[in-house]
N, C-alpha and C. Protein backbone atom coordinates (compact mmCIF):
# COMPACT_ATOMS: atom_id res chain seq x y z
N UNK A 1 -1.05 -78.40 -76.34
CA UNK A 1 -2.49 -78.26 -76.57
C UNK A 1 -3.68 -77.30 -75.88
N UNK A 2 -2.81 -77.75 -74.36
CA UNK A 2 -3.82 -77.32 -73.24
C UNK A 2 -3.51 -75.70 -73.10
N UNK A 3 -1.96 -75.39 -73.58
CA UNK A 3 -1.96 -73.87 -74.19
C UNK A 3 -2.71 -73.12 -74.83
N UNK A 4 -2.97 -73.78 -76.00
CA UNK A 4 -3.66 -73.37 -76.97
C UNK A 4 -5.23 -73.40 -76.55
N UNK A 5 -5.78 -74.10 -75.61
CA UNK A 5 -6.76 -74.17 -75.42
C UNK A 5 -7.15 -72.68 -74.09
N UNK A 6 -5.81 -72.36 -73.43
CA UNK A 6 -5.98 -71.53 -72.51
C UNK A 6 -5.96 -70.11 -73.17
N UNK A 7 -4.96 -70.16 -73.84
CA UNK A 7 -4.73 -69.07 -74.89
C UNK A 7 -5.99 -68.64 -75.44
N UNK A 8 -7.19 -69.27 -76.08
CA UNK A 8 -8.14 -68.99 -76.72
C UNK A 8 -9.49 -68.57 -75.44
N UNK A 9 -9.26 -68.92 -74.90
CA UNK A 9 -10.18 -68.66 -73.21
C UNK A 9 -9.83 -67.05 -73.48
N UNK A 10 -8.47 -66.91 -73.11
CA UNK A 10 -8.11 -65.63 -72.46
C UNK A 10 -8.49 -64.69 -73.76
N UNK A 11 -8.29 -64.89 -75.02
CA UNK A 11 -8.63 -64.32 -75.85
C UNK A 11 -9.99 -64.03 -76.37
N UNK A 12 -10.88 -65.11 -76.13
CA UNK A 12 -12.15 -64.62 -75.98
C UNK A 12 -12.74 -63.78 -74.87
N UNK A 13 -12.17 -63.95 -73.72
CA UNK A 13 -12.25 -63.31 -72.82
C UNK A 13 -11.97 -61.44 -72.47
N UNK A 14 -11.04 -61.23 -72.93
CA UNK A 14 -11.02 -59.84 -73.15
C UNK A 14 -11.26 -59.72 -74.38
N UNK A 15 -11.52 -60.18 -75.20
CA UNK A 15 -12.29 -59.76 -76.74
C UNK A 15 -14.08 -59.49 -76.34
N UNK A 16 -14.43 -60.23 -75.28
CA UNK A 16 -16.06 -60.06 -74.92
C UNK A 16 -16.31 -58.55 -74.55
N UNK A 17 -15.81 -57.84 -74.12
CA UNK A 17 -16.47 -56.88 -73.96
C UNK A 17 -16.50 -55.50 -75.34
N UNK A 18 -15.72 -56.41 -76.00
CA UNK A 18 -15.62 -55.41 -77.43
C UNK A 18 -16.70 -55.88 -78.16
N UNK A 19 -17.41 -56.75 -77.87
CA UNK A 19 -18.48 -57.21 -78.83
C UNK A 19 -19.93 -56.34 -78.84
N UNK A 20 -20.08 -55.86 -77.73
CA UNK A 20 -21.03 -54.96 -77.44
C UNK A 20 -21.16 -53.71 -77.21
N UNK A 21 -21.93 -53.11 -77.19
CA UNK A 21 -21.99 -51.39 -77.00
C UNK A 21 -22.41 -51.31 -75.53
N UNK A 22 -22.23 -49.66 -75.58
CA UNK A 22 -22.79 -49.38 -73.88
C UNK A 22 -24.28 -49.99 -73.98
N UNK A 23 -24.55 -50.25 -72.84
CA UNK A 23 -25.68 -51.52 -72.16
C UNK A 23 -25.92 -50.05 -70.85
N UNK A 24 -26.74 -50.96 -69.79
CA UNK A 24 -27.47 -50.18 -69.06
C UNK A 24 -26.85 -50.00 -68.11
N UNK A 25 -25.35 -50.28 -68.09
CA UNK A 25 -24.73 -49.96 -66.73
C UNK A 25 -25.14 -50.28 -65.34
N UNK A 26 -25.50 -51.32 -65.19
CA UNK A 26 -26.27 -51.37 -63.79
C UNK A 26 -25.50 -51.47 -62.58
N UNK A 27 -24.39 -52.14 -62.87
CA UNK A 27 -23.44 -51.90 -61.37
C UNK A 27 -23.05 -50.19 -61.35
N UNK A 28 -22.65 -49.94 -62.47
CA UNK A 28 -22.03 -48.25 -62.09
C UNK A 28 -23.22 -47.44 -61.68
N UNK A 29 -24.27 -47.52 -62.26
CA UNK A 29 -25.48 -46.50 -62.03
C UNK A 29 -25.74 -47.21 -60.65
N UNK A 30 -26.00 -48.27 -60.12
CA UNK A 30 -26.20 -48.59 -58.67
C UNK A 30 -25.01 -47.73 -57.67
N UNK A 31 -24.14 -48.23 -58.05
CA UNK A 31 -23.29 -47.45 -57.15
C UNK A 31 -23.01 -45.69 -57.47
N UNK A 32 -23.82 -45.21 -58.61
CA UNK A 32 -23.63 -43.82 -58.26
C UNK A 32 -24.94 -43.44 -57.41
N UNK A 33 -25.78 -44.54 -57.56
CA UNK A 33 -27.15 -44.07 -56.43
C UNK A 33 -26.61 -44.17 -55.20
N UNK A 34 -26.12 -45.24 -55.05
CA UNK A 34 -25.60 -45.46 -53.68
C UNK A 34 -24.95 -44.10 -52.92
N UNK A 35 -23.86 -43.74 -53.39
CA UNK A 35 -22.88 -42.61 -53.32
C UNK A 35 -23.87 -41.22 -53.57
N UNK A 36 -24.97 -41.37 -54.20
CA UNK A 36 -25.96 -39.89 -54.07
C UNK A 36 -26.50 -39.58 -53.01
N UNK A 37 -27.03 -41.19 -52.79
CA UNK A 37 -28.14 -41.12 -51.51
C UNK A 37 -27.04 -41.16 -50.35
N UNK A 38 -26.13 -41.35 -50.35
CA UNK A 38 -25.60 -41.18 -49.22
C UNK A 38 -24.70 -39.88 -48.90
N UNK A 39 -24.61 -39.15 -50.11
CA UNK A 39 -24.18 -37.28 -50.05
C UNK A 39 -25.44 -37.23 -49.39
N UNK A 40 -26.29 -37.26 -50.18
CA UNK A 40 -27.75 -36.19 -49.12
C UNK A 40 -27.52 -36.13 -47.73
N UNK A 41 -27.26 -37.60 -47.18
CA UNK A 41 -27.54 -37.58 -45.34
C UNK A 41 -25.93 -37.37 -44.94
N UNK A 42 -24.88 -37.42 -45.68
CA UNK A 42 -23.56 -36.93 -44.64
C UNK A 42 -22.52 -36.57 -46.10
N UNK A 43 -22.49 -35.46 -46.44
CA UNK A 43 -21.88 -34.90 -47.37
C UNK A 43 -20.22 -35.00 -46.85
N UNK A 44 -20.05 -34.92 -45.56
CA UNK A 44 -18.58 -34.94 -45.25
C UNK A 44 -17.95 -36.45 -45.44
N UNK A 45 -19.02 -37.46 -45.39
CA UNK A 45 -18.45 -38.86 -45.48
C UNK A 45 -18.36 -39.38 -46.83
N UNK A 46 -19.50 -39.18 -47.53
CA UNK A 46 -19.20 -39.38 -49.07
C UNK A 46 -18.69 -38.21 -50.27
N UNK A 47 -18.81 -36.94 -49.83
CA UNK A 47 -18.25 -36.16 -50.51
C UNK A 47 -16.44 -36.15 -50.44
N UNK A 48 -15.80 -36.47 -49.01
CA UNK A 48 -14.71 -36.16 -49.20
C UNK A 48 -13.67 -37.62 -49.04
N UNK A 49 -14.30 -38.41 -48.18
CA UNK A 49 -13.48 -39.51 -47.79
C UNK A 49 -13.61 -40.99 -48.77
N UNK A 50 -14.96 -41.06 -49.09
CA UNK A 50 -15.14 -42.27 -49.78
C UNK A 50 -15.25 -41.47 -51.60
N UNK A 51 -15.40 -40.51 -51.68
CA UNK A 51 -15.35 -40.08 -53.02
C UNK A 51 -13.64 -40.22 -53.62
N UNK A 52 -12.85 -39.92 -52.68
CA UNK A 52 -11.42 -39.99 -53.22
C UNK A 52 -10.90 -41.38 -53.17
N UNK A 53 -11.15 -42.02 -51.95
CA UNK A 53 -10.56 -43.26 -51.94
C UNK A 53 -11.14 -44.32 -52.18
N UNK A 54 -12.31 -44.71 -51.96
CA UNK A 54 -13.25 -46.06 -52.41
C UNK A 54 -13.77 -45.78 -53.99
N UNK A 55 -14.70 -44.96 -53.99
CA UNK A 55 -15.21 -44.80 -55.18
C UNK A 55 -14.67 -44.63 -56.79
N UNK A 56 -13.40 -43.94 -56.41
CA UNK A 56 -12.53 -43.92 -57.46
C UNK A 56 -12.10 -45.78 -57.87
N UNK A 57 -11.73 -46.33 -57.14
CA UNK A 57 -11.59 -47.67 -57.18
C UNK A 57 -12.71 -48.65 -57.46
N UNK A 58 -13.93 -48.52 -56.92
CA UNK A 58 -15.10 -49.25 -57.28
C UNK A 58 -15.68 -48.93 -58.47
N UNK A 59 -15.61 -47.14 -59.26
CA UNK A 59 -16.03 -46.86 -60.63
C UNK A 59 -15.28 -47.61 -61.20
N UNK A 60 -14.02 -47.80 -60.92
CA UNK A 60 -13.16 -48.78 -61.96
C UNK A 60 -13.42 -50.24 -62.06
N UNK A 61 -13.61 -50.58 -61.06
CA UNK A 61 -14.15 -52.14 -60.69
C UNK A 61 -15.68 -52.39 -61.58
N UNK A 62 -16.81 -51.35 -61.48
CA UNK A 62 -17.94 -51.60 -61.81
C UNK A 62 -17.78 -51.25 -63.54
N UNK A 63 -17.14 -50.32 -63.60
CA UNK A 63 -17.03 -50.25 -65.16
C UNK A 63 -16.62 -51.48 -65.76
N UNK A 64 -15.75 -51.73 -65.49
CA UNK A 64 -14.96 -53.13 -65.88
C UNK A 64 -15.62 -54.42 -66.16
N UNK A 65 -16.64 -54.61 -64.40
CA UNK A 65 -17.41 -55.56 -64.66
C UNK A 65 -18.86 -55.24 -65.84
N UNK A 66 -19.37 -53.98 -65.65
CA UNK A 66 -20.50 -53.74 -66.81
C UNK A 66 -19.75 -54.17 -68.23
N UNK A 67 -18.72 -53.94 -68.40
CA UNK A 67 -18.55 -53.73 -69.85
C UNK A 67 -18.51 -55.48 -70.17
N UNK A 68 -18.58 -56.41 -69.48
CA UNK A 68 -18.65 -57.92 -69.73
C UNK A 68 -20.35 -57.86 -69.38
N UNK A 69 -20.86 -57.55 -68.67
CA UNK A 69 -22.37 -57.76 -68.36
C UNK A 69 -23.37 -56.82 -69.76
N UNK A 70 -22.85 -55.81 -70.31
CA UNK A 70 -23.27 -55.27 -71.20
C UNK A 70 -23.73 -55.80 -72.40
N UNK A 71 -22.78 -56.95 -72.72
CA UNK A 71 -22.57 -57.82 -73.66
C UNK A 71 -23.86 -58.36 -73.93
N UNK A 72 -24.26 -59.05 -72.61
CA UNK A 72 -25.70 -59.84 -72.53
C UNK A 72 -27.11 -58.87 -73.11
N UNK A 73 -26.89 -57.33 -72.12
CA UNK A 73 -28.26 -56.84 -72.24
C UNK A 73 -28.18 -56.22 -73.95
N UNK A 74 -27.05 -55.78 -74.56
CA UNK A 74 -26.99 -55.34 -75.93
C UNK A 74 -27.48 -56.49 -76.81
N UNK A 75 -26.75 -57.69 -76.88
CA UNK A 75 -27.26 -58.41 -78.10
C UNK A 75 -28.41 -59.64 -77.48
N UNK A 76 -28.86 -59.45 -76.43
CA UNK A 76 -29.60 -60.87 -76.04
C UNK A 76 -31.04 -60.12 -75.83
N UNK A 77 -31.11 -59.00 -74.94
CA UNK A 77 -32.03 -58.22 -74.63
C UNK A 77 -32.48 -56.99 -75.43
N UNK A 78 -31.59 -56.05 -76.06
CA UNK A 78 -31.90 -55.12 -76.72
C UNK A 78 -31.61 -54.94 -78.38
N UNK A 79 -30.60 -55.46 -78.74
CA UNK A 79 -30.41 -54.96 -80.33
C UNK A 79 -31.18 -55.93 -81.08
N UNK A 80 -31.92 -55.98 -82.10
CA UNK A 80 -32.30 -56.55 -83.17
C UNK A 80 -31.16 -57.42 -83.90
N UNK A 81 -31.34 -58.57 -84.61
CA UNK A 81 -32.55 -59.57 -84.76
C UNK A 81 -33.06 -60.10 -82.91
N UNK A 82 -32.09 -60.57 -82.19
CA UNK A 82 -32.00 -61.20 -81.05
C UNK A 82 -32.98 -60.47 -80.27
N UNK A 83 -32.80 -59.17 -79.49
CA UNK A 83 -33.57 -58.80 -78.57
C UNK A 83 -34.46 -57.84 -79.33
N UNK A 84 -35.28 -56.62 -78.92
CA UNK A 84 -36.68 -56.56 -78.95
C UNK A 84 -36.41 -55.07 -79.96
N UNK A 85 -34.81 -54.25 -80.36
CA UNK A 85 -34.47 -53.32 -80.39
C UNK A 85 -35.05 -51.78 -79.85
N UNK A 86 -35.17 -52.26 -78.09
CA UNK A 86 -35.30 -50.98 -77.72
C UNK A 86 -34.32 -50.86 -76.80
N UNK A 87 -33.81 -50.40 -76.08
CA UNK A 87 -32.80 -50.34 -75.10
C UNK A 87 -33.48 -50.67 -73.75
N UNK A 88 -32.15 -51.27 -72.91
CA UNK A 88 -32.94 -51.60 -71.43
C UNK A 88 -32.64 -50.41 -70.60
N UNK A 89 -33.36 -49.67 -70.46
CA UNK A 89 -33.77 -48.22 -69.14
C UNK A 89 -32.93 -48.80 -67.74
N UNK A 90 -32.05 -47.73 -66.83
CA UNK A 90 -31.95 -47.97 -65.68
C UNK A 90 -33.15 -47.16 -64.82
N UNK A 91 -33.86 -48.63 -63.90
CA UNK A 91 -34.77 -47.86 -63.07
C UNK A 91 -33.93 -46.75 -61.97
N UNK A 92 -33.95 -45.37 -62.40
CA UNK A 92 -33.23 -44.46 -61.39
C UNK A 92 -34.50 -44.04 -60.19
N UNK A 93 -33.87 -44.15 -59.33
CA UNK A 93 -34.73 -43.61 -57.64
C UNK A 93 -34.36 -42.48 -57.80
N UNK A 94 -35.89 -41.57 -57.48
CA UNK A 94 -35.88 -40.35 -56.58
C UNK A 94 -35.29 -40.11 -55.62
N UNK A 95 -34.06 -39.41 -55.11
CA UNK A 95 -33.77 -39.07 -53.57
C UNK A 95 -34.33 -37.80 -53.84
N UNK A 96 -35.29 -37.71 -52.70
CA UNK A 96 -35.76 -36.56 -51.68
C UNK A 96 -34.70 -36.07 -50.84
N UNK A 97 -34.81 -34.57 -51.25
CA UNK A 97 -34.06 -33.78 -50.53
C UNK A 97 -34.23 -33.13 -49.31
N UNK A 98 -33.69 -33.47 -48.07
CA UNK A 98 -33.86 -32.89 -47.08
C UNK A 98 -33.57 -31.38 -46.36
N UNK A 99 -32.86 -30.78 -47.50
CA UNK A 99 -33.01 -29.26 -47.43
C UNK A 99 -34.28 -28.98 -47.89
N UNK A 100 -34.45 -27.80 -47.46
CA UNK A 100 -35.73 -26.62 -47.83
C UNK A 100 -34.63 -25.65 -48.54
């Protein structure tokens, strides 16, 4: 019986990301903004070292986590009949360039 419960829980957790559509991707877009802001101040660090070693792995993690978080935004906040029928936007911040 315990094995059946664990199997059911695992099946629900694996199916959960498939239950919703593309949402605001808050974690992934937050990582993109952080990398973009960093690149504007230090292209060598953010453009070479972080881009290939850390950001690739971090992108995979944030996309995976967003697939679970987006279920909430899609079904509870956005999609009718439970939501308001309007998508949740991501509040992008403007990065002011230091170059002229």
